């Protein structure tokens, strides 16, 4: 959810430039079940415009109303929202509402963390009461142990009478798309809506630019003979969609020097069988784990036909692989959705 915090910070800076105060609402504790879990946030500006959400849309209006006092007296508070009688969510949300100010030093450090794909820690101090005012706040800690408060001129001190909600925000999920055709553009666009960081490799003979791939982080023209893969981290998926069997095989051979968790390749089942057979012939000592990471044809069997639907099926498969979930309809689930 690093991308959600990034959007909130970007909007907070814009609001500050307009001379508007900001308030941050964070779910810090949950009794029972709810649409979203602790760690979700929404930003409220002094003109009561918002960005982000802490539920499916039913709690936000009350939070906006109850945030008005924070704008007036600049004092953080804890509120509760009991969804058992209003939403049917069977849960009570504890929400920290605090003044939110972005200092230049923090903004620079946060931008650096995003660029370097660092994980960050957020500690929010609260008590389990409704409409409780006090020394409540959130602090953000970077791997270098640099610590910042979300509140202006806030002093760091032990809050022995408070509980603390700790959240680790990992770097954004990364998607590497190899291909430059229409379906690659659709996959990039839909994945970017999830906050994924997307790099695109197109043909060196037909290079494309960032304007061709809305939402992409980078677009380069390369060939499988010269490509040097970098930063194939644990939370990186690769989708090969060249529409050229020869090019696909060459890229897979290059990737065999690494151990990605997911390599999706477009094409018919027979094409996939041919690819595996030639891989064995060209490199008989391939790691079995590498072969297990290849998903071809890419995507879940959802009956997808259009480029947009195919993109959704591929994204769903990637999520199921990285979340270690076997896809099925939630109506067949017994018990909680999230453990």
C-alpha atoms as a PDB file:
ATOM      1  CA  UNK A   1       0.000   0.000   0.000  1.00  0.00           C
ATOM      2  CA  UNK A   2       3.009   2.264  -0.415  1.00  0.00           C
ATOM      3  CA  UNK A   3       1.360   3.756  -3.498  1.00  0.00           C
ATOM      4  CA  UNK A   4      -1.650   4.875  -1.412  1.00  0.00           C
ATOM      5  CA  UNK A   5       0.603   6.742   1.013  1.00  0.00           C
ATOM      6  CA  UNK A   6       2.502   8.220  -1.933  1.00  0.00           C
ATOM      7  CA  UNK A   7      -0.740   9.612  -3.409  1.00  0.00           C
ATOM      8  CA  UNK A   8      -1.763  11.009  -0.024  1.00  0.00           C
ATOM      9  CA  UNK A   9       1.582  12.773   0.433  1.00  0.00           C
ATOM     10  CA  UNK A  10       1.495  14.201  -3.083  1.00  0.00           C
ATOM     11  CA  UNK A  11      -1.993  15.624  -2.514  1.00  0.00           C
ATOM     12  CA  UNK A  12      -1.050  16.958   0.933  1.00  0.00           C
ATOM     13  CA  UNK A  13       1.806  18.934  -0.635  1.00  0.00           C
ATOM     14  CA  UNK A  14      -0.592  20.389  -3.222  1.00  0.00           C
ATOM     15  CA  UNK A  15      -3.036  21.360  -0.462  1.00  0.00           C
ATOM     16  CA  UNK A  16      -0.277  23.026   1.564  1.00  0.00           C
ATOM     17  CA  UNK A  17       0.759  25.034  -1.482  1.00  0.00           C
ATOM     18  CA  UNK A  18      -2.853  26.256  -1.676  1.00  0.00           C
ATOM     19  CA  UNK A  19      -2.711  27.289   1.965  1.00  0.00           C
ATOM     20  CA  UNK A  20      -4.987  24.477   3.134  1.00  0.00           C
ATOM     21  CA  UNK A  21      -4.451  22.471   6.324  1.00  0.00           C
ATOM     22  CA  UNK A  22      -4.495  18.665   6.114  1.00  0.00           C
ATOM     23  CA  UNK A  23      -5.774  15.979   8.441  1.00  0.00           C
ATOM     24  CA  UNK A  24      -4.888  12.288   8.158  1.00  0.00           C
ATOM     25  CA  UNK A  25      -7.301   9.546   9.210  1.00  0.00           C
ATOM     26  CA  UNK A  26      -5.736   6.108   9.809  1.00  0.00           C
ATOM     27  CA  UNK A  27      -7.396   2.868  10.869  1.00  0.00           C
ATOM     28  CA  UNK A  28      -5.179   1.678  13.724  1.00  0.00           C
ATOM     29  CA  UNK A  29      -7.218  -1.152  15.243  1.00  0.00           C
ATOM     30  CA  UNK A  30     -10.132  -3.422  14.345  1.00  0.00           C
ATOM     31  CA  UNK A  31     -12.413  -5.524  16.476  1.00  0.00           C
ATOM     32  CA  UNK A  32     -14.193  -8.093  14.306  1.00  0.00           C
ATOM     33  CA  UNK A  33     -14.235  -7.822  10.514  1.00  0.00           C
ATOM     34  CA  UNK A  34     -14.356  -4.908   8.099  1.00  0.00           C
ATOM     35  CA  UNK A  35     -14.066  -4.127   4.387  1.00  0.00           C
ATOM     36  CA  UNK A  36     -10.471  -2.924   4.867  1.00  0.00           C
ATOM     37  CA  UNK A  37      -7.900  -3.584   7.569  1.00  0.00           C
ATOM     38  CA  UNK A  38      -5.732  -1.461   9.895  1.00  0.00           C
ATOM     39  CA  UNK A  39      -3.148   0.564   8.019  1.00  0.00           C
ATOM     40  CA  UNK A  40      -5.517   2.160   5.501  1.00  0.00           C
ATOM     41  CA  UNK A  41      -5.633   5.945   5.383  1.00  0.00           C
ATOM     42  CA  UNK A  42      -7.462   8.903   3.930  1.00  0.00           C
ATOM     43  CA  UNK A  43      -6.454  12.545   3.633  1.00  0.00           C
ATOM     44  CA  UNK A  44      -8.904  15.345   4.399  1.00  0.00           C
ATOM     45  CA  UNK A  45      -8.160  18.918   3.349  1.00  0.00           C
ATOM     46  CA  UNK A  46      -9.454  22.018   5.091  1.00  0.00           C
ATOM     47  CA  UNK A  47     -11.994  22.485   2.281  1.00  0.00           C
ATOM     48  CA  UNK A  48     -13.178  18.922   3.129  1.00  0.00           C
ATOM     49  CA  UNK A  49     -11.956  17.440  -0.151  1.00  0.00           C
ATOM     50  CA  UNK A  50     -10.468  13.964   0.299  1.00  0.00           C
ATOM     51  CA  UNK A  51      -8.177  11.377  -1.213  1.00  0.00           C
ATOM     52  CA  UNK A  52      -7.892   7.724  -0.183  1.00  0.00           C
ATOM     53  CA  UNK A  53     -10.427   5.634   1.714  1.00  0.00           C
ATOM     54  CA  UNK A  54     -10.677   3.540   4.866  1.00  0.00           C
ATOM     55  CA  UNK A  55     -13.702   1.487   3.811  1.00  0.00           C
ATOM     56  CA  UNK A  56     -15.956   0.889   0.857  1.00  0.00           C
ATOM     57  CA  UNK A  57     -17.276   4.444   1.128  1.00  0.00           C
ATOM     58  CA  UNK A  58     -19.663   4.153   4.056  1.00  0.00           C
ATOM     59  CA  UNK A  59     -17.428   5.408   6.898  1.00  0.00           C
ATOM     60  CA  UNK A  60     -15.795   8.328   5.129  1.00  0.00           C
ATOM     61  CA  UNK A  61     -18.639  10.856   5.553  1.00  0.00           C
ATOM     62  CA  UNK A  62     -18.623  10.464   9.323  1.00  0.00           C
ATOM     63  CA  UNK A  63     -14.834  10.759   9.469  1.00  0.00           C
ATOM     64  CA  UNK A  64     -14.983  14.018   7.514  1.00  0.00           C
ATOM     65  CA  UNK A  65     -17.531  15.446   9.951  1.00  0.00           C
ATOM     66  CA  UNK A  66     -15.583  14.348  13.008  1.00  0.00           C
ATOM     67  CA  UNK A  67     -12.303  15.687  11.607  1.00  0.00           C
ATOM     68  CA  UNK A  68     -13.544  19.278  11.743  1.00  0.00           C
ATOM     69  CA  UNK A  69     -12.503  19.668  15.376  1.00  0.00           C
ATOM     70  CA  UNK A  70      -8.919  18.725  14.472  1.00  0.00           C
ATOM     71  CA  UNK A  71      -8.793  21.569  11.959  1.00  0.00           C
ATOM     72  CA  UNK A  72     -10.071  23.961  14.620  1.00  0.00           C
ATOM     73  CA  UNK A  73      -7.894  23.070  17.624  1.00  0.00           C
ATOM     74  CA  UNK A  74      -5.033  21.171  15.946  1.00  0.00           C
ATOM     75  CA  UNK A  75      -5.456  18.301  18.447  1.00  0.00           C
ATOM     76  CA  UNK A  76      -5.328  14.661  17.381  1.00  0.00           C
ATOM     77  CA  UNK A  77      -8.078  12.327  18.504  1.00  0.00           C
ATOM     78  CA  UNK A  78      -9.291   8.740  18.347  1.00  0.00           C
ATOM     79  CA  UNK A  79     -12.768   7.890  17.129  1.00  0.00           C
ATOM     80  CA  UNK A  80     -14.588   4.597  16.695  1.00  0.00           C
ATOM     81  CA  UNK A  81     -17.037   3.460  14.067  1.00  0.00           C
ATOM     82  CA  UNK A  82     -19.255   0.503  14.896  1.00  0.00           C
ATOM     83  CA  UNK A  83     -20.191  -1.199  11.648  1.00  0.00           C
ATOM     84  CA  UNK A  84     -22.196  -3.963  13.313  1.00  0.00           C
ATOM     85  CA  UNK A  85     -25.352  -1.886  13.379  1.00  0.00           C
ATOM     86  CA  UNK A  86     -24.801   0.209  10.264  1.00  0.00           C
ATOM     87  CA  UNK A  87     -22.803  -1.807   7.741  1.00  0.00           C
ATOM     88  CA  UNK A  88     -23.157  -5.437   8.578  1.00  0.00           C
ATOM     89  CA  UNK A  89     -19.335  -5.688   8.645  1.00  0.00           C
ATOM     90  CA  UNK A  90     -19.392  -7.119  12.171  1.00  0.00           C
ATOM     91  CA  UNK A  91     -16.536  -4.891  13.265  1.00  0.00           C
ATOM     92  CA  UNK A  92     -15.534  -1.779  15.199  1.00  0.00           C
ATOM     93  CA  UNK A  93     -12.958   0.500  13.594  1.00  0.00           C
ATOM     94  CA  UNK A  94     -10.593   2.583  15.731  1.00  0.00           C
ATOM     95  CA  UNK A  95      -9.447   5.586  13.719  1.00  0.00           C
ATOM     96  CA  UNK A  96      -6.675   8.046  14.512  1.00  0.00           C
ATOM     97  CA  UNK A  97      -7.395  11.537  13.166  1.00  0.00           C
ATOM     98  CA  UNK A  98      -4.349  13.804  13.349  1.00  0.00           C
ATOM     99  CA  UNK A  99      -2.959  17.000  11.813  1.00  0.00           C
ATOM    100  CA  UNK A 100      -0.829  16.143   8.784  1.00  0.00           C
ATOM    101  CA  UNK A 101       2.010  18.354   7.635  1.00  0.00           C
ATOM    102  CA  UNK A 102       4.685  17.555   5.044  1.00  0.00           C
ATOM    103  CA  UNK A 103       8.094  19.087   5.720  1.00  0.00           C
ATOM    104  CA  UNK A 104      10.577  19.484   2.862  1.00  0.00           C
ATOM    105  CA  UNK A 105      13.155  17.296   4.589  1.00  0.00           C
ATOM    106  CA  UNK A 106      10.653  14.477   4.997  1.00  0.00           C
ATOM    107  CA  UNK A 107       9.421  14.827   1.402  1.00  0.00           C
ATOM    108  CA  UNK A 108      12.980  14.539   0.096  1.00  0.00           C
ATOM    109  CA  UNK A 109      13.676  11.458   2.232  1.00  0.00           C
ATOM    110  CA  UNK A 110      10.383   9.789   1.266  1.00  0.00           C
ATOM    111  CA  UNK A 111      11.040  10.406  -2.451  1.00  0.00           C
ATOM    112  CA  UNK A 112      14.476   8.891  -2.001  1.00  0.00           C
ATOM    113  CA  UNK A 113      12.973   5.810  -0.335  1.00  0.00           C
ATOM    114  CA  UNK A 114      10.513   5.339  -3.213  1.00  0.00           C
ATOM    115  CA  UNK A 115      13.290   5.670  -5.778  1.00  0.00           C
ATOM    116  CA  UNK A 116      15.558   3.230  -3.916  1.00  0.00           C
ATOM    117  CA  UNK A 117      12.678   0.820  -3.266  1.00  0.00           C
ATOM    118  CA  UNK A 118      13.146   0.905   0.498  1.00  0.00           C
ATOM    119  CA  UNK A 119      10.681  -0.447   3.042  1.00  0.00           C
ATOM    120  CA  UNK A 120       9.466   2.002   5.669  1.00  0.00           C
ATOM    121  CA  UNK A 121       7.894   1.589   9.097  1.00  0.00           C
ATOM    122  CA  UNK A 122       4.969   3.576  10.478  1.00  0.00           C
ATOM    123  CA  UNK A 123       4.085   3.603  14.185  1.00  0.00           C
ATOM    124  CA  UNK A 124       0.740   5.074  15.226  1.00  0.00           C
ATOM    125  CA  UNK A 125      -0.009   5.701  18.909  1.00  0.00           C
ATOM    126  CA  UNK A 126      -3.613   5.431  20.126  1.00  0.00           C
ATOM    127  CA  UNK A 127      -5.976   4.267  22.868  1.00  0.00           C
ATOM    128  CA  UNK A 128      -9.140   2.206  22.470  1.00  0.00           C
ATOM    129  CA  UNK A 129     -11.670   4.916  23.229  1.00  0.00           C
ATOM    130  CA  UNK A 130     -14.151   6.958  21.257  1.00  0.00           C
ATOM    131  CA  UNK A 131     -13.730  10.724  20.814  1.00  0.00           C
ATOM    132  CA  UNK A 132     -10.563  10.615  22.916  1.00  0.00           C
ATOM    133  CA  UNK A 133      -8.161  13.548  22.684  1.00  0.00           C
ATOM    134  CA  UNK A 134      -4.498  13.242  23.596  1.00  0.00           C
ATOM    135  CA  UNK A 135      -0.888  13.009  22.544  1.00  0.00           C
ATOM    136  CA  UNK A 136      -1.675  10.674  19.658  1.00  0.00           C
ATOM    137  CA  UNK A 137       0.461  10.709  16.527  1.00  0.00           C
ATOM    138  CA  UNK A 138       2.090   8.691  13.763  1.00  0.00           C
ATOM    139  CA  UNK A 139       5.815   8.442  13.153  1.00  0.00           C
ATOM    140  CA  UNK A 140       7.539   7.180  10.044  1.00  0.00           C
ATOM    141  CA  UNK A 141      10.921   5.439  10.305  1.00  0.00           C
ATOM    142  CA  UNK A 142      13.270   4.816   7.383  1.00  0.00           C
ATOM    143  CA  UNK A 143      15.850   1.986   7.215  1.00  0.00           C
ATOM    144  CA  UNK A 144      18.530   4.521   8.180  1.00  0.00           C
ATOM    145  CA  UNK A 145      16.551   5.057  11.427  1.00  0.00           C
ATOM    146  CA  UNK A 146      15.685   8.619  10.393  1.00  0.00           C
ATOM    147  CA  UNK A 147      12.372   9.350  12.096  1.00  0.00           C
ATOM    148  CA  UNK A 148       9.739  11.908  11.148  1.00  0.00           C
ATOM    149  CA  UNK A 149       6.353  12.813  12.603  1.00  0.00           C
ATOM    150  CA  UNK A 150       3.271  13.393  10.504  1.00  0.00           C
ATOM    151  CA  UNK A 151       2.514  16.393  12.742  1.00  0.00           C
ATOM    152  CA  UNK A 152       4.281  19.747  12.509  1.00  0.00           C
ATOM    153  CA  UNK A 153       6.778  20.456  15.298  1.00  0.00           C
ATOM    154  CA  UNK A 154       5.840  17.221  17.074  1.00  0.00           C
ATOM    155  CA  UNK A 155       8.290  16.055  19.721  1.00  0.00           C
ATOM    156  CA  UNK A 156       9.308  12.415  19.881  1.00  0.00           C
ATOM    157  CA  UNK A 157       8.591  10.988  23.295  1.00  0.00           C
ATOM    158  CA  UNK A 158       7.597   7.722  24.859  1.00  0.00           C
ATOM    159  CA  UNK A 159       3.847   7.238  25.002  1.00  0.00           C
ATOM    160  CA  UNK A 160       3.641   4.660  27.750  1.00  0.00           C
ATOM    161  CA  UNK A 161      -0.099   5.083  28.191  1.00  0.00           C
ATOM    162  CA  UNK A 162      -0.785   4.357  24.515  1.00  0.00           C
ATOM    163  CA  UNK A 163      -0.997   1.298  22.358  1.00  0.00           C
ATOM    164  CA  UNK A 164       0.965   1.282  19.120  1.00  0.00           C
ATOM    165  CA  UNK A 165       0.006   0.035  15.694  1.00  0.00           C
ATOM    166  CA  UNK A 166       3.095  -0.814  13.629  1.00  0.00           C
ATOM    167  CA  UNK A 167       2.945  -1.180   9.869  1.00  0.00           C
ATOM    168  CA  UNK A 168       5.749  -2.094   7.471  1.00  0.00           C
ATOM    169  CA  UNK A 169       5.232  -0.739   3.965  1.00  0.00           C
ATOM    170  CA  UNK A 170       7.310  -2.615   1.415  1.00  0.00           C
ATOM    171  CA  UNK A 171       8.400  -1.203  -1.925  1.00  0.00           C
ATOM    172  CA  UNK A 172       5.816  -1.247  -4.691  1.00  0.00           C
ATOM    173  CA  UNK A 173       5.215  -4.519  -6.518  1.00  0.00           C
ATOM    174  CA  UNK A 174       7.176  -4.536  -9.757  1.00  0.00           C
ATOM    175  CA  UNK A 175       6.010  -5.714 -13.178  1.00  0.00           C
ATOM    176  CA  UNK A 176       8.372  -6.127 -16.121  1.00  0.00           C
ATOM    177  CA  UNK A 177       6.575  -6.227 -19.471  1.00  0.00           C
ATOM    178  CA  UNK A 178       8.531  -7.449 -22.486  1.00  0.00           C
ATOM    179  CA  UNK A 179       6.629  -6.367 -25.577  1.00  0.00           C
ATOM    180  CA  UNK A 180       5.403  -3.181 -27.196  1.00  0.00           C
ATOM    181  CA  UNK A 181       2.101  -3.993 -28.878  1.00  0.00           C
ATOM    182  CA  UNK A 182      -1.473  -2.990 -28.055  1.00  0.00           C
ATOM    183  CA  UNK A 183      -2.031  -5.738 -25.477  1.00  0.00           C
ATOM    184  CA  UNK A 184       1.153  -4.764 -23.608  1.00  0.00           C
ATOM    185  CA  UNK A 185      -0.171  -1.196 -23.335  1.00  0.00           C
ATOM    186  CA  UNK A 186      -3.447  -2.477 -21.859  1.00  0.00           C
ATOM    187  CA  UNK A 187      -1.632  -4.644 -19.316  1.00  0.00           C
ATOM    188  CA  UNK A 188       0.540  -1.681 -18.307  1.00  0.00           C
ATOM    189  CA  UNK A 189      -2.438   0.630 -17.901  1.00  0.00           C
ATOM    190  CA  UNK A 190      -4.486  -1.764 -15.765  1.00  0.00           C
ATOM    191  CA  UNK A 191      -1.512  -2.819 -13.595  1.00  0.00           C
ATOM    192  CA  UNK A 192      -0.641   0.825 -12.945  1.00  0.00           C
ATOM    193  CA  UNK A 193      -4.075   1.285 -11.366  1.00  0.00           C
ATOM    194  CA  UNK A 194      -2.952  -1.180  -8.688  1.00  0.00           C
ATOM    195  CA  UNK A 195       0.022   1.003  -7.842  1.00  0.00           C
ATOM    196  CA  UNK A 196       2.513  -1.434  -9.377  1.00  0.00           C
ATOM    197  CA  UNK A 197       5.839  -0.102 -10.627  1.00  0.00           C
ATOM    198  CA  UNK A 198       6.059  -1.025 -14.299  1.00  0.00           C
ATOM    199  CA  UNK A 199       9.088  -1.225 -16.570  1.00  0.00           C
ATOM    200  CA  UNK A 200       8.608  -1.992 -20.257  1.00  0.00           C
ATOM    201  CA  UNK A 201      11.084  -3.489 -22.717  1.00  0.00           C
ATOM    202  CA  UNK A 202      10.174  -3.068 -26.376  1.00  0.00           C
ATOM    203  CA  UNK A 203      11.984  -4.079 -29.534  1.00  0.00           C
ATOM    204  CA  UNK A 204      15.168  -2.163 -30.314  1.00  0.00           C
ATOM    205  CA  UNK A 205      14.025  -2.107 -33.956  1.00  0.00           C
ATOM    206  CA  UNK A 206      10.697  -0.491 -33.000  1.00  0.00           C
ATOM    207  CA  UNK A 207      11.379   1.485 -29.787  1.00  0.00           C
ATOM    208  CA  UNK A 208       8.533   3.145 -27.909  1.00  0.00           C
ATOM    209  CA  UNK A 209       8.421   5.976 -25.351  1.00  0.00           C
ATOM    210  CA  UNK A 210       6.754   6.651 -22.000  1.00  0.00           C
ATOM    211  CA  UNK A 211       3.909   8.429 -23.777  1.00  0.00           C
ATOM    212  CA  UNK A 212       3.017   5.114 -25.438  1.00  0.00           C
ATOM    213  CA  UNK A 213       2.648   3.365 -22.072  1.00  0.00           C
ATOM    214  CA  UNK A 214       0.518   5.345 -19.598  1.00  0.00           C
ATOM    215  CA  UNK A 215       1.497   4.476 -16.034  1.00  0.00           C
ATOM    216  CA  UNK A 216       4.914   2.999 -16.856  1.00  0.00           C
ATOM    217  CA  UNK A 217       8.007   3.865 -14.834  1.00  0.00           C
ATOM    218  CA  UNK A 218      10.379   3.316 -17.762  1.00  0.00           C
ATOM    219  CA  UNK A 219      10.293   2.220 -21.401  1.00  0.00           C
ATOM    220  CA  UNK A 220      13.428   1.077 -23.231  1.00  0.00           C
ATOM    221  CA  UNK A 221      14.171  -0.512 -26.604  1.00  0.00           C
ATOM    222  CA  UNK A 222      16.302  -3.639 -26.283  1.00  0.00           C
ATOM    223  CA  UNK A 223      17.031  -7.045 -27.793  1.00  0.00           C
ATOM    224  CA  UNK A 224      17.340 -10.416 -26.015  1.00  0.00           C
ATOM    225  CA  UNK A 225      20.957 -10.644 -27.156  1.00  0.00           C
ATOM    226  CA  UNK A 226      22.010  -7.447 -25.357  1.00  0.00           C
ATOM    227  CA  UNK A 227      19.532  -7.116 -22.489  1.00  0.00           C
ATOM    228  CA  UNK A 228      20.963  -6.952 -18.987  1.00  0.00           C
ATOM    229  CA  UNK A 229      18.278  -7.652 -16.404  1.00  0.00           C
ATOM    230  CA  UNK A 230      18.612  -5.661 -13.198  1.00  0.00           C
ATOM    231  CA  UNK A 231      16.661  -5.546  -9.961  1.00  0.00           C
ATOM    232  CA  UNK A 232      14.694  -8.753 -10.517  1.00  0.00           C
ATOM    233  CA  UNK A 233      13.619  -8.624  -6.900  1.00  0.00           C
ATOM    234  CA  UNK A 234      11.499 -11.091  -4.989  1.00  0.00           C
ATOM    235  CA  UNK A 235       8.360  -9.014  -5.595  1.00  0.00           C
ATOM    236  CA  UNK A 236       8.846  -8.789  -9.377  1.00  0.00           C
ATOM    237  CA  UNK A 237       6.721 -10.487 -12.041  1.00  0.00           C
ATOM    238  CA  UNK A 238       7.626 -10.733 -15.719  1.00  0.00           C
ATOM    239  CA  UNK A 239       5.216 -10.986 -18.639  1.00  0.00           C
ATOM    240  CA  UNK A 240       6.574 -11.739 -22.118  1.00  0.00           C
ATOM    241  CA  UNK A 241       4.233 -10.682 -24.918  1.00  0.00           C
ATOM    242  CA  UNK A 242       6.337 -10.241 -28.061  1.00  0.00           C
ATOM    243  CA  UNK A 243       4.077 -12.251 -30.411  1.00  0.00           C
ATOM    244  CA  UNK A 244       7.308 -13.829 -31.660  1.00  0.00           C
ATOM    245  CA  UNK A 245       8.171 -17.358 -30.565  1.00  0.00           C
ATOM    246  CA  UNK A 246      11.864 -16.937 -31.367  1.00  0.00           C
ATOM    247  CA  UNK A 247      12.095 -13.707 -29.363  1.00  0.00           C
ATOM    248  CA  UNK A 248      10.212 -15.256 -26.456  1.00  0.00           C
ATOM    249  CA  UNK A 249      12.586 -18.219 -26.332  1.00  0.00           C
ATOM    250  CA  UNK A 250      15.628 -15.962 -26.383  1.00  0.00           C
ATOM    251  CA  UNK A 251      14.291 -13.848 -23.500  1.00  0.00           C
ATOM    252  CA  UNK A 252      13.463 -16.938 -21.446  1.00  0.00           C
ATOM    253  CA  UNK A 253      17.004 -18.224 -21.995  1.00  0.00           C
ATOM    254  CA  UNK A 254      18.368 -14.935 -20.660  1.00  0.00           C
ATOM    255  CA  UNK A 255      16.022 -15.078 -17.669  1.00  0.00           C
ATOM    256  CA  UNK A 256      17.156 -18.613 -16.851  1.00  0.00           C
ATOM    257  CA  UNK A 257      20.208 -17.041 -15.200  1.00  0.00           C
ATOM    258  CA  UNK A 258      17.879 -15.631 -12.547  1.00  0.00           C
ATOM    259  CA  UNK A 259      15.114 -17.025 -10.354  1.00  0.00           C
ATOM    260  CA  UNK A 260      11.980 -14.910 -10.771  1.00  0.00           C
ATOM    261  CA  UNK A 261       8.777 -16.121  -9.123  1.00  0.00           C
ATOM    262  CA  UNK A 262       6.578 -15.544 -12.157  1.00  0.00           C
ATOM    263  CA  UNK A 263       7.218 -15.484 -15.917  1.00  0.00           C
ATOM    264  CA  UNK A 264       4.018 -15.258 -17.927  1.00  0.00           C
ATOM    265  CA  UNK A 265       4.181 -15.916 -21.676  1.00  0.00           C
ATOM    266  CA  UNK A 266       1.370 -15.363 -24.152  1.00  0.00           C
ATOM    267  CA  UNK A 267       0.492 -18.080 -26.632  1.00  0.00           C
ATOM    268  CA  UNK A 268      -1.400 -21.305 -27.192  1.00  0.00           C
ATOM    269  CA  UNK A 269      -0.729 -24.439 -25.085  1.00  0.00           C
ATOM    270  CA  UNK A 270       1.079 -26.154 -27.987  1.00  0.00           C
ATOM    271  CA  UNK A 271       3.391 -23.155 -28.251  1.00  0.00           C
ATOM    272  CA  UNK A 272       4.201 -23.559 -24.559  1.00  0.00           C
ATOM    273  CA  UNK A 273       4.985 -27.253 -25.001  1.00  0.00           C
ATOM    274  CA  UNK A 274       7.339 -26.415 -27.853  1.00  0.00           C
ATOM    275  CA  UNK A 275       9.068 -23.780 -25.719  1.00  0.00           C
ATOM    276  CA  UNK A 276       9.657 -26.213 -22.831  1.00  0.00           C
ATOM    277  CA  UNK A 277      10.999 -28.880 -25.202  1.00  0.00           C
ATOM    278  CA  UNK A 278      13.479 -26.477 -26.803  1.00  0.00           C
ATOM    279  CA  UNK A 279      14.525 -25.139 -23.399  1.00  0.00           C
ATOM    280  CA  UNK A 280      15.455 -28.679 -22.333  1.00  0.00           C
ATOM    281  CA  UNK A 281      17.436 -29.174 -25.541  1.00  0.00           C
ATOM    282  CA  UNK A 282      19.299 -25.866 -25.264  1.00  0.00           C
ATOM    283  CA  UNK A 283      19.872 -25.977 -21.517  1.00  0.00           C
ATOM    284  CA  UNK A 284      19.291 -29.464 -20.064  1.00  0.00           C
ATOM    285  CA  UNK A 285      20.593 -28.453 -16.625  1.00  0.00           C
ATOM    286  CA  UNK A 286      17.860 -25.863 -16.046  1.00  0.00           C
ATOM    287  CA  UNK A 287      16.769 -25.412 -12.440  1.00  0.00           C
ATOM    288  CA  UNK A 288      13.330 -27.092 -11.939  1.00  0.00           C
ATOM    289  CA  UNK A 289      12.265 -24.103  -9.827  1.00  0.00           C
ATOM    290  CA  UNK A 290      12.855 -21.838 -12.801  1.00  0.00           C
ATOM    291  CA  UNK A 291      10.629 -24.007 -14.987  1.00  0.00           C
ATOM    292  CA  UNK A 292       7.921 -23.978 -12.303  1.00  0.00           C
ATOM    293  CA  UNK A 293       7.922 -20.182 -12.466  1.00  0.00           C
ATOM    294  CA  UNK A 294       6.913 -20.189 -16.151  1.00  0.00           C
ATOM    295  CA  UNK A 295       3.179 -19.768 -16.766  1.00  0.00           C
ATOM    296  CA  UNK A 296       2.196 -20.270 -20.383  1.00  0.00           C
ATOM    297  CA  UNK A 297      -0.380 -19.554 -21.612  1.00  0.00           C
ATOM    298  CA  UNK A 298      -0.309 -16.666 -19.134  1.00  0.00           C
ATOM    299  CA  UNK A 299      -3.433 -15.874 -17.114  1.00  0.00           C
ATOM    300  CA  UNK A 300      -6.299 -17.561 -15.308  1.00  0.00           C
ATOM    301  CA  UNK A 301      -8.985 -19.387 -17.270  1.00  0.00           C
ATOM    302  CA  UNK A 302     -11.695 -16.716 -17.038  1.00  0.00           C
ATOM    303  CA  UNK A 303     -12.969 -16.792 -20.600  1.00  0.00           C
ATOM    304  CA  UNK A 304     -11.032 -13.594 -21.372  1.00  0.00           C
ATOM    305  CA  UNK A 305     -11.076 -12.462 -25.002  1.00  0.00           C
ATOM    306  CA  UNK A 306     -10.309  -8.742 -25.297  1.00  0.00           C
ATOM    307  CA  UNK A 307      -6.840  -7.316 -24.509  1.00  0.00           C
ATOM    308  CA  UNK A 308      -8.296  -5.716 -21.383  1.00  0.00           C
ATOM    309  CA  UNK A 309      -9.848  -8.988 -20.185  1.00  0.00           C
ATOM    310  CA  UNK A 310      -6.642 -10.888 -20.893  1.00  0.00           C
ATOM    311  CA  UNK A 311      -4.721  -8.298 -18.877  1.00  0.00           C
ATOM    312  CA  UNK A 312      -7.100  -8.822 -15.942  1.00  0.00           C
ATOM    313  CA  UNK A 313      -6.648 -12.605 -16.140  1.00  0.00           C
ATOM    314  CA  UNK A 314      -2.844 -12.230 -16.140  1.00  0.00           C
ATOM    315  CA  UNK A 315      -2.896  -9.818 -13.203  1.00  0.00           C
ATOM    316  CA  UNK A 316      -5.194 -12.157 -11.276  1.00  0.00           C
ATOM    317  CA  UNK A 317      -2.809 -15.044 -11.885  1.00  0.00           C
ATOM    318  CA  UNK A 318       0.178 -12.975 -10.739  1.00  0.00           C
ATOM    319  CA  UNK A 319      -1.652 -12.061  -7.531  1.00  0.00           C
ATOM    320  CA  UNK A 320      -2.587 -15.685  -6.866  1.00  0.00           C
ATOM    321  CA  UNK A 321       1.035 -16.810  -7.338  1.00  0.00           C
ATOM    322  CA  UNK A 322       2.578 -14.165  -5.101  1.00  0.00           C
ATOM    323  CA  UNK A 323      -0.147 -14.462  -2.462  1.00  0.00           C
ATOM    324  CA  UNK A 324       0.091 -18.269  -2.614  1.00  0.00           C
ATOM    325  CA  UNK A 325      -3.650 -18.676  -3.193  1.00  0.00           C
ATOM    326  CA  UNK A 326      -5.450 -21.211  -5.343  1.00  0.00           C
ATOM    327  CA  UNK A 327      -8.160 -19.226  -7.164  1.00  0.00           C
ATOM    328  CA  UNK A 328     -11.797 -20.073  -6.466  1.00  0.00           C
ATOM    329  CA  UNK A 329     -15.061 -18.215  -5.847  1.00  0.00           C
ATOM    330  CA  UNK A 330     -15.224 -16.543  -2.441  1.00  0.00           C
ATOM    331  CA  UNK A 331     -18.765 -17.826  -1.959  1.00  0.00           C
ATOM    332  CA  UNK A 332     -17.232 -21.268  -1.496  1.00  0.00           C
ATOM    333  CA  UNK A 333     -15.039 -20.007   1.323  1.00  0.00           C
ATOM    334  CA  UNK A 334     -15.756 -21.169   4.849  1.00  0.00           C
ATOM    335  CA  UNK A 335     -14.566 -18.720   7.478  1.00  0.00           C
ATOM    336  CA  UNK A 336     -12.721 -15.441   7.157  1.00  0.00           C
ATOM    337  CA  UNK A 337     -11.398 -14.040   3.865  1.00  0.00           C
ATOM    338  CA  UNK A 338      -8.231 -12.723   5.526  1.00  0.00           C
ATOM    339  CA  UNK A 339      -6.604 -14.636   8.323  1.00  0.00           C
END
